[in-house]
């Protein structure tokens, strides 16, 4: 059997690989179990042909070999081999982050299994968070679970890493609170930008500047902060122009990002349309003037935020 497993949610993907390995049975490295990466992928056909001495079958896992790109000569060779030869004594698993449709993809799709692991949507993620927490005897309500996901992102591996800290802190019989998430988890930069913009919208300049300084303290380059703020305010401007219609489509959100629609809509209401246009122009001018040496980037960014809240 040949598998192609790929997708954004590496946690779910790896869990599936573990299940396949467990179902396979006894594994002896180098005999009936071969691991392949980009450095030795050119030997994969020879590895398939080599007998699994003392075993009926062998398992080959080829991980991150970049075979699933268009016009890939090695992929063409492997595809031809799989289609023309009996490989029933080999279980072959290809693991990739991304996979384009090419000859090898089509060959596996025809005679094997192709499975994409997309990041889960919000309701599914909330359910997973609650199941894991309850499994350790720790309570978390649905709103707090959603807040955790909004703060740390929707990659299941990252969620579990952050959830472990919260579970350990709460202890058996305890409950995870929103304030625990604020103090213990590592928020995504996108989440921090949302926090900063929330405070700007509410004219809370002190907290907005604290968030900005924390970003800089955590070694986030000021140029990158400027770019992220520009992109964020550009999205808010788009939302203000949408007037509530087709926001997800206009923002080009993925299906598992639709929960952001409400957050963007709320923040867009903090600002008038002309204010958003002014902030965008000021950020563009700051970028140009800082590159020309006419203004210090840090001072200029602080000035834009302070001027808005003044």
C-alpha atoms as a PDB file:
ATOM      1  CA  UNK A   1       0.000   0.000   0.000  1.00  0.00           C
ATOM      2  CA  UNK A   2       1.278   3.471  -0.856  1.00  0.00           C
ATOM      3  CA  UNK A   3       0.235   6.623   1.001  1.00  0.00           C
ATOM      4  CA  UNK A   4       0.680  10.332   0.400  1.00  0.00           C
ATOM      5  CA  UNK A   5       0.020  12.272   3.597  1.00  0.00           C
ATOM      6  CA  UNK A   6       0.316  16.051   3.508  1.00  0.00           C
ATOM      7  CA  UNK A   7      -1.132  19.229   4.928  1.00  0.00           C
ATOM      8  CA  UNK A   8      -0.852  22.128   7.338  1.00  0.00           C
ATOM      9  CA  UNK A   9      -1.772  20.303  10.538  1.00  0.00           C
ATOM     10  CA  UNK A  10       1.434  18.417  11.243  1.00  0.00           C
ATOM     11  CA  UNK A  11       0.097  17.113  14.569  1.00  0.00           C
ATOM     12  CA  UNK A  12      -2.840  15.249  13.027  1.00  0.00           C
ATOM     13  CA  UNK A  13      -0.582  14.039  10.218  1.00  0.00           C
ATOM     14  CA  UNK A  14       2.021  12.650  12.620  1.00  0.00           C
ATOM     15  CA  UNK A  15      -0.700  10.978  14.679  1.00  0.00           C
ATOM     16  CA  UNK A  16      -1.883   9.199  11.534  1.00  0.00           C
ATOM     17  CA  UNK A  17       1.667   8.068  10.736  1.00  0.00           C
ATOM     18  CA  UNK A  18       2.004   6.673  14.273  1.00  0.00           C
ATOM     19  CA  UNK A  19      -1.195   4.668  13.791  1.00  0.00           C
ATOM     20  CA  UNK A  20       0.109   3.218  10.520  1.00  0.00           C
ATOM     21  CA  UNK A  21       3.422   2.275  12.147  1.00  0.00           C
ATOM     22  CA  UNK A  22       1.641   0.646  15.087  1.00  0.00           C
ATOM     23  CA  UNK A  23      -0.648  -1.308  12.745  1.00  0.00           C
ATOM     24  CA  UNK A  24       2.357  -2.458  10.715  1.00  0.00           C
ATOM     25  CA  UNK A  25       3.843  -4.331  13.677  1.00  0.00           C
ATOM     26  CA  UNK A  26       7.469  -5.020  14.570  1.00  0.00           C
ATOM     27  CA  UNK A  27       9.947  -2.623  13.012  1.00  0.00           C
ATOM     28  CA  UNK A  28      13.672  -3.198  12.660  1.00  0.00           C
ATOM     29  CA  UNK A  29      15.535  -0.113  11.489  1.00  0.00           C
ATOM     30  CA  UNK A  30      17.452  -0.790   8.270  1.00  0.00           C
ATOM     31  CA  UNK A  31      15.854  -4.204   7.739  1.00  0.00           C
ATOM     32  CA  UNK A  32      12.094  -3.895   7.458  1.00  0.00           C
ATOM     33  CA  UNK A  33      11.918  -0.202   8.324  1.00  0.00           C
ATOM     34  CA  UNK A  34      13.634   2.447   6.201  1.00  0.00           C
ATOM     35  CA  UNK A  35      13.478   6.211   6.704  1.00  0.00           C
ATOM     36  CA  UNK A  36      14.168   8.465   3.751  1.00  0.00           C
ATOM     37  CA  UNK A  37      14.657  12.206   3.483  1.00  0.00           C
ATOM     38  CA  UNK A  38      15.864  14.617   0.809  1.00  0.00           C
ATOM     39  CA  UNK A  39      19.481  13.508   1.225  1.00  0.00           C
ATOM     40  CA  UNK A  40      18.902   9.857   0.237  1.00  0.00           C
ATOM     41  CA  UNK A  41      15.633   9.932  -1.694  1.00  0.00           C
ATOM     42  CA  UNK A  42      17.451   9.088  -4.936  1.00  0.00           C
ATOM     43  CA  UNK A  43      17.881   5.534  -3.540  1.00  0.00           C
ATOM     44  CA  UNK A  44      14.172   4.968  -2.930  1.00  0.00           C
ATOM     45  CA  UNK A  45      13.592   2.544  -5.835  1.00  0.00           C
ATOM     46  CA  UNK A  46      16.578   0.456  -4.737  1.00  0.00           C
ATOM     47  CA  UNK A  47      15.208   0.467  -1.188  1.00  0.00           C
ATOM     48  CA  UNK A  48      11.828  -0.780  -2.459  1.00  0.00           C
ATOM     49  CA  UNK A  49      13.567  -3.573  -4.381  1.00  0.00           C
ATOM     50  CA  UNK A  50      15.737  -4.703  -1.453  1.00  0.00           C
ATOM     51  CA  UNK A  51      14.193  -7.711   0.380  1.00  0.00           C
ATOM     52  CA  UNK A  52      13.154  -7.339   4.013  1.00  0.00           C
ATOM     53  CA  UNK A  53      15.294 -10.225   5.274  1.00  0.00           C
ATOM     54  CA  UNK A  54      13.350 -12.332   7.764  1.00  0.00           C
ATOM     55  CA  UNK A  55      10.149 -10.300   7.344  1.00  0.00           C
ATOM     56  CA  UNK A  56       7.214 -10.586   4.959  1.00  0.00           C
ATOM     57  CA  UNK A  57       6.929  -6.835   4.384  1.00  0.00           C
ATOM     58  CA  UNK A  58       8.871  -3.646   4.925  1.00  0.00           C
ATOM     59  CA  UNK A  59       7.832  -0.102   5.742  1.00  0.00           C
ATOM     60  CA  UNK A  60       9.428   2.879   4.006  1.00  0.00           C
ATOM     61  CA  UNK A  61       8.690   6.426   5.164  1.00  0.00           C
ATOM     62  CA  UNK A  62       9.872   9.190   2.826  1.00  0.00           C
ATOM     63  CA  UNK A  63       9.547  12.533   4.633  1.00  0.00           C
ATOM     64  CA  UNK A  64       9.916  16.044   3.231  1.00  0.00           C
ATOM     65  CA  UNK A  65      11.616  14.911   0.039  1.00  0.00           C
ATOM     66  CA  UNK A  66      10.011  17.615  -2.150  1.00  0.00           C
ATOM     67  CA  UNK A  67       8.916  15.019  -4.681  1.00  0.00           C
ATOM     68  CA  UNK A  68       5.466  16.497  -5.169  1.00  0.00           C
ATOM     69  CA  UNK A  69       6.347  19.430  -7.374  1.00  0.00           C
ATOM     70  CA  UNK A  70       5.564  19.752 -11.036  1.00  0.00           C
ATOM     71  CA  UNK A  71       8.164  18.632 -13.598  1.00  0.00           C
ATOM     72  CA  UNK A  72      10.036  16.475 -11.085  1.00  0.00           C
ATOM     73  CA  UNK A  73      12.133  13.880 -12.944  1.00  0.00           C
ATOM     74  CA  UNK A  74      12.675  11.624  -9.905  1.00  0.00           C
ATOM     75  CA  UNK A  75       8.953  11.706  -9.134  1.00  0.00           C
ATOM     76  CA  UNK A  76       8.266  10.585 -12.718  1.00  0.00           C
ATOM     77  CA  UNK A  77      10.657   7.636 -12.309  1.00  0.00           C
ATOM     78  CA  UNK A  78       9.102   6.567  -8.987  1.00  0.00           C
ATOM     79  CA  UNK A  79       5.597   6.900 -10.437  1.00  0.00           C
ATOM     80  CA  UNK A  80       6.484   4.694 -13.415  1.00  0.00           C
ATOM     81  CA  UNK A  81       8.041   2.092 -11.122  1.00  0.00           C
ATOM     82  CA  UNK A  82       4.995   1.972  -8.832  1.00  0.00           C
ATOM     83  CA  UNK A  83       2.609   1.610 -11.773  1.00  0.00           C
ATOM     84  CA  UNK A  84       4.646  -1.055 -13.573  1.00  0.00           C
ATOM     85  CA  UNK A  85       5.820  -3.244 -10.687  1.00  0.00           C
ATOM     86  CA  UNK A  86       4.345  -5.322  -7.871  1.00  0.00           C
ATOM     87  CA  UNK A  87       5.148  -3.566  -4.593  1.00  0.00           C
ATOM     88  CA  UNK A  88       2.771  -5.557  -2.382  1.00  0.00           C
ATOM     89  CA  UNK A  89       5.655  -6.476  -0.043  1.00  0.00           C
ATOM     90  CA  UNK A  90       6.291  -2.784   0.712  1.00  0.00           C
ATOM     91  CA  UNK A  91       4.232  -0.243   2.597  1.00  0.00           C
ATOM     92  CA  UNK A  92       5.365   3.143   1.334  1.00  0.00           C
ATOM     93  CA  UNK A  93       4.426   6.392   3.073  1.00  0.00           C
ATOM     94  CA  UNK A  94       5.231   9.816   1.630  1.00  0.00           C
ATOM     95  CA  UNK A  95       4.935  12.678   4.152  1.00  0.00           C
ATOM     96  CA  UNK A  96       4.996  16.282   2.919  1.00  0.00           C
ATOM     97  CA  UNK A  97       3.866  19.714   4.030  1.00  0.00           C
ATOM     98  CA  UNK A  98       2.646  20.560   0.523  1.00  0.00           C
ATOM     99  CA  UNK A  99       1.872  18.441  -2.514  1.00  0.00           C
ATOM    100  CA  UNK A 100       1.154  19.519  -6.062  1.00  0.00           C
ATOM    101  CA  UNK A 101      -0.532  17.175  -8.486  1.00  0.00           C
ATOM    102  CA  UNK A 102       2.163  15.521 -10.580  1.00  0.00           C
ATOM    103  CA  UNK A 103       2.809  12.029 -11.968  1.00  0.00           C
ATOM    104  CA  UNK A 104       3.640  10.561  -8.542  1.00  0.00           C
ATOM    105  CA  UNK A 105       0.604  12.160  -6.915  1.00  0.00           C
ATOM    106  CA  UNK A 106      -1.618  10.715  -9.659  1.00  0.00           C
ATOM    107  CA  UNK A 107      -0.032   7.265  -9.363  1.00  0.00           C
ATOM    108  CA  UNK A 108      -0.678   7.142  -5.607  1.00  0.00           C
ATOM    109  CA  UNK A 109      -4.182   8.524  -6.038  1.00  0.00           C
ATOM    110  CA  UNK A 110      -4.885   5.726  -8.537  1.00  0.00           C
ATOM    111  CA  UNK A 111      -3.523   2.749  -6.586  1.00  0.00           C
ATOM    112  CA  UNK A 112      -3.052   4.006  -3.032  1.00  0.00           C
ATOM    113  CA  UNK A 113      -4.288   6.636  -0.580  1.00  0.00           C
ATOM    114  CA  UNK A 114      -3.893  10.411  -0.723  1.00  0.00           C
ATOM    115  CA  UNK A 115      -4.888  12.205   2.487  1.00  0.00           C
ATOM    116  CA  UNK A 116      -4.675  15.927   3.173  1.00  0.00           C
ATOM    117  CA  UNK A 117      -4.566  17.130   6.785  1.00  0.00           C
ATOM    118  CA  UNK A 118      -6.113  20.578   6.878  1.00  0.00           C
ATOM    119  CA  UNK A 119      -6.087  22.641  10.021  1.00  0.00           C
ATOM    120  CA  UNK A 120      -9.321  22.064  11.930  1.00  0.00           C
ATOM    121  CA  UNK A 121     -12.084  24.642  12.047  1.00  0.00           C
ATOM    122  CA  UNK A 122     -12.951  26.473  15.247  1.00  0.00           C
ATOM    123  CA  UNK A 123     -15.787  24.164  16.492  1.00  0.00           C
ATOM    124  CA  UNK A 124     -13.568  21.083  15.980  1.00  0.00           C
ATOM    125  CA  UNK A 125     -10.613  22.751  17.711  1.00  0.00           C
ATOM    126  CA  UNK A 126     -12.748  23.780  20.689  1.00  0.00           C
ATOM    127  CA  UNK A 127     -13.981  20.210  20.993  1.00  0.00           C
ATOM    128  CA  UNK A 128     -10.405  18.863  20.948  1.00  0.00           C
ATOM    129  CA  UNK A 129      -9.270  21.384  23.592  1.00  0.00           C
ATOM    130  CA  UNK A 130     -12.130  20.435  25.898  1.00  0.00           C
ATOM    131  CA  UNK A 131     -11.557  16.685  25.414  1.00  0.00           C
ATOM    132  CA  UNK A 132      -7.843  16.995  26.213  1.00  0.00           C
ATOM    133  CA  UNK A 133      -8.433  19.232  29.249  1.00  0.00           C
ATOM    134  CA  UNK A 134     -11.181  17.001  30.633  1.00  0.00           C
ATOM    135  CA  UNK A 135      -8.920  13.997  30.151  1.00  0.00           C
ATOM    136  CA  UNK A 136      -6.576  15.526  32.741  1.00  0.00           C
ATOM    137  CA  UNK A 137      -9.442  16.452  35.062  1.00  0.00           C
ATOM    138  CA  UNK A 138      -9.202  20.150  34.197  1.00  0.00           C
ATOM    139  CA  UNK A 139     -12.218  22.245  33.210  1.00  0.00           C
ATOM    140  CA  UNK A 140     -12.305  24.811  30.411  1.00  0.00           C
ATOM    141  CA  UNK A 141     -15.473  26.445  29.115  1.00  0.00           C
ATOM    142  CA  UNK A 142     -16.175  26.949  25.428  1.00  0.00           C
ATOM    143  CA  UNK A 143     -15.512  30.703  25.368  1.00  0.00           C
ATOM    144  CA  UNK A 144     -12.143  30.288  27.077  1.00  0.00           C
ATOM    145  CA  UNK A 145     -11.216  27.431  24.729  1.00  0.00           C
ATOM    146  CA  UNK A 146     -12.003  29.675  21.759  1.00  0.00           C
ATOM    147  CA  UNK A 147      -9.964  32.507  23.268  1.00  0.00           C
ATOM    148  CA  UNK A 148      -6.995  30.143  23.634  1.00  0.00           C
ATOM    149  CA  UNK A 149      -7.203  29.216  19.942  1.00  0.00           C
ATOM    150  CA  UNK A 150      -7.541  32.857  18.901  1.00  0.00           C
ATOM    151  CA  UNK A 151      -4.411  33.668  20.921  1.00  0.00           C
ATOM    152  CA  UNK A 152      -2.096  30.817  19.886  1.00  0.00           C
ATOM    153  CA  UNK A 153      -3.373  29.964  16.401  1.00  0.00           C
ATOM    154  CA  UNK A 154      -5.170  26.960  14.944  1.00  0.00           C
ATOM    155  CA  UNK A 155      -2.269  24.546  14.528  1.00  0.00           C
ATOM    156  CA  UNK A 156      -3.121  21.569  16.748  1.00  0.00           C
ATOM    157  CA  UNK A 157       0.477  20.885  17.788  1.00  0.00           C
ATOM    158  CA  UNK A 158       0.945  24.464  19.020  1.00  0.00           C
ATOM    159  CA  UNK A 159      -2.431  24.403  20.787  1.00  0.00           C
ATOM    160  CA  UNK A 160      -1.488  21.211  22.655  1.00  0.00           C
ATOM    161  CA  UNK A 161       1.926  22.622  23.644  1.00  0.00           C
ATOM    162  CA  UNK A 162       0.292  25.717  25.147  1.00  0.00           C
ATOM    163  CA  UNK A 163      -2.588  23.729  26.662  1.00  0.00           C
ATOM    164  CA  UNK A 164      -0.137  21.507  28.540  1.00  0.00           C
ATOM    165  CA  UNK A 165       1.185  24.550  30.433  1.00  0.00           C
ATOM    166  CA  UNK A 166      -2.328  25.656  31.310  1.00  0.00           C
ATOM    167  CA  UNK A 167      -3.350  22.176  32.468  1.00  0.00           C
ATOM    168  CA  UNK A 168      -0.245  21.896  34.626  1.00  0.00           C
ATOM    169  CA  UNK A 169      -0.932  25.315  36.159  1.00  0.00           C
ATOM    170  CA  UNK A 170      -4.628  24.633  36.846  1.00  0.00           C
ATOM    171  CA  UNK A 171      -3.986  21.163  38.307  1.00  0.00           C
ATOM    172  CA  UNK A 172      -6.432  18.287  38.545  1.00  0.00           C
ATOM    173  CA  UNK A 173      -9.853  19.561  39.548  1.00  0.00           C
ATOM    174  CA  UNK A 174      -8.950  23.102  38.525  1.00  0.00           C
ATOM    175  CA  UNK A 175     -10.214  25.322  35.744  1.00  0.00           C
ATOM    176  CA  UNK A 176      -8.404  27.216  32.991  1.00  0.00           C
ATOM    177  CA  UNK A 177      -9.289  30.917  33.042  1.00  0.00           C
ATOM    178  CA  UNK A 178      -8.903  33.613  30.412  1.00  0.00           C
ATOM    179  CA  UNK A 179      -6.336  35.443  32.571  1.00  0.00           C
ATOM    180  CA  UNK A 180      -4.217  32.251  32.702  1.00  0.00           C
ATOM    181  CA  UNK A 181      -4.025  32.301  28.912  1.00  0.00           C
ATOM    182  CA  UNK A 182      -2.928  35.954  28.952  1.00  0.00           C
ATOM    183  CA  UNK A 183      -0.153  35.299  31.458  1.00  0.00           C
ATOM    184  CA  UNK A 184       1.108  31.850  30.437  1.00  0.00           C
ATOM    185  CA  UNK A 185       0.752  31.345  26.691  1.00  0.00           C
ATOM    186  CA  UNK A 186       2.854  32.584  23.799  1.00  0.00           C
ATOM    187  CA  UNK A 187       0.452  34.494  21.577  1.00  0.00           C
ATOM    188  CA  UNK A 188       0.808  34.606  17.812  1.00  0.00           C
ATOM    189  CA  UNK A 189       1.974  37.936  16.423  1.00  0.00           C
ATOM    190  CA  UNK A 190      -1.390  38.234  14.661  1.00  0.00           C
ATOM    191  CA  UNK A 191      -3.154  37.942  18.025  1.00  0.00           C
ATOM    192  CA  UNK A 192      -0.868  40.603  19.522  1.00  0.00           C
ATOM    193  CA  UNK A 193      -1.614  42.953  16.607  1.00  0.00           C
ATOM    194  CA  UNK A 194      -5.334  42.435  17.295  1.00  0.00           C
ATOM    195  CA  UNK A 195      -4.727  43.372  20.952  1.00  0.00           C
ATOM    196  CA  UNK A 196      -2.764  46.464  19.954  1.00  0.00           C
ATOM    197  CA  UNK A 197      -5.468  47.589  17.508  1.00  0.00           C
ATOM    198  CA  UNK A 198      -8.202  46.946  20.091  1.00  0.00           C
ATOM    199  CA  UNK A 199      -6.490  49.359  22.443  1.00  0.00           C
ATOM    200  CA  UNK A 200      -5.962  51.930  19.713  1.00  0.00           C
ATOM    201  CA  UNK A 201      -9.646  51.743  18.823  1.00  0.00           C
ATOM    202  CA  UNK A 202     -10.593  52.272  22.460  1.00  0.00           C
ATOM    203  CA  UNK A 203      -8.122  55.209  22.686  1.00  0.00           C
ATOM    204  CA  UNK A 204      -6.138  53.343  25.343  1.00  0.00           C
ATOM    205  CA  UNK A 205      -2.748  54.625  24.201  1.00  0.00           C
ATOM    206  CA  UNK A 206      -0.844  53.480  27.316  1.00  0.00           C
ATOM    207  CA  UNK A 207      -1.747  49.809  26.812  1.00  0.00           C
ATOM    208  CA  UNK A 208      -1.270  50.074  23.034  1.00  0.00           C
ATOM    209  CA  UNK A 209       2.266  51.403  23.549  1.00  0.00           C
ATOM    210  CA  UNK A 210       2.984  48.696  26.148  1.00  0.00           C
ATOM    211  CA  UNK A 211       2.019  46.029  23.605  1.00  0.00           C
ATOM    212  CA  UNK A 212       4.198  47.706  20.958  1.00  0.00           C
ATOM    213  CA  UNK A 213       7.172  47.840  23.328  1.00  0.00           C
ATOM    214  CA  UNK A 214       6.679  44.176  24.272  1.00  0.00           C
ATOM    215  CA  UNK A 215       6.799  43.247  20.585  1.00  0.00           C
ATOM    216  CA  UNK A 216      10.108  45.069  20.259  1.00  0.00           C
ATOM    217  CA  UNK A 217      11.377  43.543  23.521  1.00  0.00           C
ATOM    218  CA  UNK A 218      10.646  40.084  22.093  1.00  0.00           C
ATOM    219  CA  UNK A 219      12.978  40.895  19.180  1.00  0.00           C
ATOM    220  CA  UNK A 220      10.255  41.521  16.610  1.00  0.00           C
ATOM    221  CA  UNK A 221      11.892  43.890  14.076  1.00  0.00           C
ATOM    222  CA  UNK A 222      10.205  47.294  13.895  1.00  0.00           C
ATOM    223  CA  UNK A 223      10.071  47.039  10.095  1.00  0.00           C
ATOM    224  CA  UNK A 224       8.098  43.791  10.427  1.00  0.00           C
ATOM    225  CA  UNK A 225       5.763  45.386  12.999  1.00  0.00           C
ATOM    226  CA  UNK A 226       5.158  48.225  10.538  1.00  0.00           C
ATOM    227  CA  UNK A 227       4.328  45.756   7.752  1.00  0.00           C
ATOM    228  CA  UNK A 228       1.985  43.755   9.995  1.00  0.00           C
ATOM    229  CA  UNK A 229       0.180  46.894  11.153  1.00  0.00           C
ATOM    230  CA  UNK A 230      -0.210  48.069   7.567  1.00  0.00           C
ATOM    231  CA  UNK A 231      -1.645  44.705   6.499  1.00  0.00           C
ATOM    232  CA  UNK A 232      -3.978  44.680   9.488  1.00  0.00           C
ATOM    233  CA  UNK A 233      -5.311  48.184   8.889  1.00  0.00           C
ATOM    234  CA  UNK A 234      -5.654  47.424   5.200  1.00  0.00           C
ATOM    235  CA  UNK A 235      -7.942  44.515   6.143  1.00  0.00           C
ATOM    236  CA  UNK A 236      -9.935  46.789   8.450  1.00  0.00           C
ATOM    237  CA  UNK A 237     -10.300  49.246   5.567  1.00  0.00           C
ATOM    238  CA  UNK A 238     -11.551  46.448   3.309  1.00  0.00           C
ATOM    239  CA  UNK A 239     -14.064  45.444   5.986  1.00  0.00           C
ATOM    240  CA  UNK A 240     -15.291  49.042   6.277  1.00  0.00           C
ATOM    241  CA  UNK A 241     -15.830  49.142   2.499  1.00  0.00           C
ATOM    242  CA  UNK A 242     -17.634  45.773   2.503  1.00  0.00           C
ATOM    243  CA  UNK A 243     -20.395  47.131   4.745  1.00  0.00           C
ATOM    244  CA  UNK A 244     -20.809  43.653   6.231  1.00  0.00           C
ATOM    245  CA  UNK A 245     -21.063  41.807   2.892  1.00  0.00           C
ATOM    246  CA  UNK A 246     -18.799  38.895   1.927  1.00  0.00           C
ATOM    247  CA  UNK A 247     -16.099  39.873   4.435  1.00  0.00           C
ATOM    248  CA  UNK A 248     -14.502  36.399   4.485  1.00  0.00           C
ATOM    249  CA  UNK A 249     -14.309  36.334   0.690  1.00  0.00           C
ATOM    250  CA  UNK A 250     -12.878  39.846   0.378  1.00  0.00           C
ATOM    251  CA  UNK A 251     -10.283  39.149   3.070  1.00  0.00           C
ATOM    252  CA  UNK A 252      -9.446  35.807   1.388  1.00  0.00           C
ATOM    253  CA  UNK A 253      -9.821  33.933   4.674  1.00  0.00           C
ATOM    254  CA  UNK A 254      -9.424  30.159   4.731  1.00  0.00           C
ATOM    255  CA  UNK A 255     -12.434  28.079   5.849  1.00  0.00           C
ATOM    256  CA  UNK A 256     -10.843  27.586   9.276  1.00  0.00           C
ATOM    257  CA  UNK A 257     -10.291  31.354   9.660  1.00  0.00           C
ATOM    258  CA  UNK A 258     -13.898  32.517   9.332  1.00  0.00           C
ATOM    259  CA  UNK A 259     -14.036  33.154  13.082  1.00  0.00           C
ATOM    260  CA  UNK A 260     -11.854  36.212  12.330  1.00  0.00           C
ATOM    261  CA  UNK A 261     -14.706  37.888  10.446  1.00  0.00           C
ATOM    262  CA  UNK A 262     -16.377  38.997  13.687  1.00  0.00           C
ATOM    263  CA  UNK A 263     -13.074  40.245  15.143  1.00  0.00           C
ATOM    264  CA  UNK A 264     -12.253  42.308  12.060  1.00  0.00           C
ATOM    265  CA  UNK A 265     -15.810  43.684  11.909  1.00  0.00           C
ATOM    266  CA  UNK A 266     -15.712  44.784  15.563  1.00  0.00           C
ATOM    267  CA  UNK A 267     -12.349  46.509  15.129  1.00  0.00           C
ATOM    268  CA  UNK A 268     -13.370  48.217  11.878  1.00  0.00           C
ATOM    269  CA  UNK A 269     -16.225  49.868  13.790  1.00  0.00           C
ATOM    270  CA  UNK A 270     -13.696  51.570  16.073  1.00  0.00           C
ATOM    271  CA  UNK A 271     -12.449  53.668  13.160  1.00  0.00           C
ATOM    272  CA  UNK A 272     -14.037  55.982  10.617  1.00  0.00           C
ATOM    273  CA  UNK A 273     -13.272  55.181   6.986  1.00  0.00           C
ATOM    274  CA  UNK A 274     -11.208  58.354   6.553  1.00  0.00           C
ATOM    275  CA  UNK A 275      -9.229  57.510   9.733  1.00  0.00           C
ATOM    276  CA  UNK A 276      -8.289  54.124   8.304  1.00  0.00           C
ATOM    277  CA  UNK A 277      -7.222  55.782   5.047  1.00  0.00           C
ATOM    278  CA  UNK A 278      -5.113  58.308   6.973  1.00  0.00           C
ATOM    279  CA  UNK A 279      -3.391  55.645   9.084  1.00  0.00           C
ATOM    280  CA  UNK A 280      -2.561  53.606   5.955  1.00  0.00           C
ATOM    281  CA  UNK A 281      -1.082  56.674   4.227  1.00  0.00           C
ATOM    282  CA  UNK A 282       0.969  57.563   7.329  1.00  0.00           C
ATOM    283  CA  UNK A 283       2.346  54.018   7.554  1.00  0.00           C
ATOM    284  CA  UNK A 284       3.312  54.098   3.857  1.00  0.00           C
ATOM    285  CA  UNK A 285       4.988  57.507   4.268  1.00  0.00           C
ATOM    286  CA  UNK A 286       6.831  56.315   7.372  1.00  0.00           C
ATOM    287  CA  UNK A 287       8.199  53.312   5.493  1.00  0.00           C
ATOM    288  CA  UNK A 288       9.467  55.536   2.676  1.00  0.00           C
ATOM    289  CA  UNK A 289      10.900  58.262   4.925  1.00  0.00           C
ATOM    290  CA  UNK A 290      12.658  55.797   7.238  1.00  0.00           C
ATOM    291  CA  UNK A 291      14.333  54.099   4.256  1.00  0.00           C
ATOM    292  CA  UNK A 292      15.470  57.516   2.998  1.00  0.00           C
ATOM    293  CA  UNK A 293      16.915  58.307   6.425  1.00  0.00           C
ATOM    294  CA  UNK A 294      14.501  61.186   7.053  1.00  0.00           C
ATOM    295  CA  UNK A 295      13.027  59.727  10.264  1.00  0.00           C
ATOM    296  CA  UNK A 296      13.798  57.042  12.812  1.00  0.00           C
ATOM    297  CA  UNK A 297      11.415  54.119  12.274  1.00  0.00           C
ATOM    298  CA  UNK A 298      10.744  53.511  15.992  1.00  0.00           C
ATOM    299  CA  UNK A 299      10.039  57.177  16.700  1.00  0.00           C
ATOM    300  CA  UNK A 300       7.851  57.482  13.617  1.00  0.00           C
ATOM    301  CA  UNK A 301       5.738  54.443  14.501  1.00  0.00           C
ATOM    302  CA  UNK A 302       5.290  55.648  18.083  1.00  0.00           C
ATOM    303  CA  UNK A 303       4.233  59.059  16.751  1.00  0.00           C
ATOM    304  CA  UNK A 304       1.572  57.613  14.422  1.00  0.00           C
ATOM    305  CA  UNK A 305      -0.015  55.606  17.228  1.00  0.00           C
ATOM    306  CA  UNK A 306       0.135  58.476  19.711  1.00  0.00           C
ATOM    307  CA  UNK A 307      -1.266  60.981  17.203  1.00  0.00           C
ATOM    308  CA  UNK A 308      -4.270  58.766  16.535  1.00  0.00           C
ATOM    309  CA  UNK A 309      -5.108  58.474  20.233  1.00  0.00           C
ATOM    310  CA  UNK A 310      -4.436  62.119  21.082  1.00  0.00           C
END
